[in-house]
C-alpha atoms as a PDB file:
ATOM      1  CA  MET A   1      -6.254   0.260 -21.718  1.00  0.00           C
ATOM      2  CA  ALA A   2      -8.706   2.526 -19.599  1.00  0.00           C
ATOM      3  CA  ARG A   3      -7.545   5.007 -16.962  1.00  0.00           C
ATOM      4  CA  LYS A   4      -8.881   5.871 -13.836  1.00  0.00           C
ATOM      5  CA  THR A   5     -10.364   9.384 -13.486  1.00  0.00           C
ATOM      6  CA  PRO A   6      -9.169  11.613 -10.871  1.00  0.00           C
ATOM      7  CA  SER A   7     -11.128  12.478  -8.314  1.00  0.00           C
ATOM      8  CA  VAL A   8     -12.772  16.361  -7.995  1.00  0.00           C
ATOM      9  CA  GLU A   9     -10.252  16.494  -4.580  1.00  0.00           C
ATOM     10  CA  THR A  10      -7.252  16.166  -6.466  1.00  0.00           C
ATOM     11  CA  LEU A  11      -8.224  18.094  -9.082  1.00  0.00           C
ATOM     12  CA  ARG A  12      -8.741  20.451  -6.924  1.00  0.00           C
ATOM     13  CA  GLY A  13      -5.724  19.942  -5.694  1.00  0.00           C
ATOM     14  CA  PHE A  14      -3.357  19.935  -8.828  1.00  0.00           C
ATOM     15  CA  LYS A  15      -5.457  23.811  -9.278  1.00  0.00           C
ATOM     16  CA  ASP A  16      -4.293  24.829  -5.943  1.00  0.00           C
ATOM     17  CA  LEU A  17      -0.608  23.504  -6.935  1.00  0.00           C
ATOM     18  CA  ARG A  18      -0.473  25.444  -9.256  1.00  0.00           C
ATOM     19  CA  ASN A  19      -2.244  28.607  -7.793  1.00  0.00           C
ATOM     20  CA  ASP A  20       0.842  28.339  -5.347  1.00  0.00           C
ATOM     21  CA  ILE A  21       3.569  28.191  -8.171  1.00  0.00           C
ATOM     22  CA  ALA A  22       2.050  31.241  -9.843  1.00  0.00           C
ATOM     23  CA  HIS A  23       1.366  32.969  -7.279  1.00  0.00           C
ATOM     24  CA  GLU A  24       3.965  32.660  -5.386  1.00  0.00           C
ATOM     25  CA  TYR A  25       1.950  31.797  -2.375  1.00  0.00           C
ATOM     26  CA  LYS A  26       4.810  29.289  -0.819  1.00  0.00           C
ATOM     27  CA  THR A  27       7.895  31.079  -1.606  1.00  0.00           C
ATOM     28  CA  ASP A  28       8.715  30.445   2.576  1.00  0.00           C
ATOM     29  CA  ASP A  29       9.285  26.923   2.180  1.00  0.00           C
ATOM     30  CA  LEU A  30      10.387  26.354  -1.640  1.00  0.00           C
ATOM     31  CA  ALA A  31      11.213  22.839  -0.207  1.00  0.00           C
ATOM     32  CA  GLU A  32       8.602  21.961   0.282  1.00  0.00           C
ATOM     33  CA  LEU A  33       6.626  23.100  -2.940  1.00  0.00           C
ATOM     34  CA  PHE A  34       9.513  21.451  -4.618  1.00  0.00           C
ATOM     35  CA  SER A  35       8.331  18.026  -2.963  1.00  0.00           C
ATOM     36  CA  ASP A  36       4.418  18.701  -4.060  1.00  0.00           C
ATOM     37  CA  VAL A  37       5.403  19.051  -7.374  1.00  0.00           C
ATOM     38  CA  LEU A  38       7.615  16.202  -7.452  1.00  0.00           C
ATOM     39  CA  GLN A  39       4.593  14.185  -6.093  1.00  0.00           C
ATOM     40  CA  ALA A  40       2.065  15.322  -8.148  1.00  0.00           C
ATOM     41  CA  THR A  41       3.834  15.030 -11.515  1.00  0.00           C
ATOM     42  CA  PRO A  42       3.682  11.131 -12.264  1.00  0.00           C
ATOM     43  CA  GLU A  43      -0.424  11.728 -12.135  1.00  0.00           C
ATOM     44  CA  LEU A  44      -0.352  15.093 -13.874  1.00  0.00           C
ATOM     45  CA  LEU A  45       1.269  13.413 -16.440  1.00  0.00           C
ATOM     46  CA  ALA A  46      -0.739  10.328 -16.661  1.00  0.00           C
ATOM     47  CA  LEU A  47      -3.665  13.076 -17.104  1.00  0.00           C
ATOM     48  CA  ALA A  48      -2.209  14.912 -19.576  1.00  0.00           C
ATOM     49  CA  ARG A  49      -1.774  11.883 -21.426  1.00  0.00           C
ATOM     50  CA  SER A  50      -5.178  10.270 -20.851  1.00  0.00           C
ATOM     51  CA  ILE A  51      -6.359  13.252 -22.256  1.00  0.00           C
ATOM     52  CA  PHE A  52      -4.434  13.576 -25.310  1.00  0.00           C
ATOM     53  CA  ASP A  53      -5.366   9.932 -26.408  1.00  0.00           C
ATOM     54  CA  TYR A  54      -8.600  10.719 -25.874  1.00  0.00           C
ATOM     55  CA  GLY A  55      -7.926  14.002 -27.889  1.00  0.00           C
ATOM     56  CA  LYS A  56      -6.791  11.948 -30.424  1.00  0.00           C
ATOM     57  CA  ALA A  57      -9.507   9.344 -30.915  1.00  0.00           C
ATOM     58  CA  LEU A  58     -12.166  11.878 -31.215  1.00  0.00           C
ATOM     59  CA  ILE A  59      -9.729  13.175 -34.329  1.00  0.00           C
ATOM     60  CA  GLU A  60      -9.825   9.702 -35.634  1.00  0.00           C
ATOM     61  CA  GLU A  61     -13.021   8.763 -35.568  1.00  0.00           C
END
């Protein structure tokens, strides 16, 4: 089953969220950061699964 590719805006949002976590840009409101992480998690996991499946298919060719 084909999966929908995330938009560029979504991928940039993931990058920005990663930067917020890694560089502690949002230490003033950790509850909001945690909420953002929880909200992004399902789509990030789906993207990771899609990348894994793609790589596996290439190896099996």
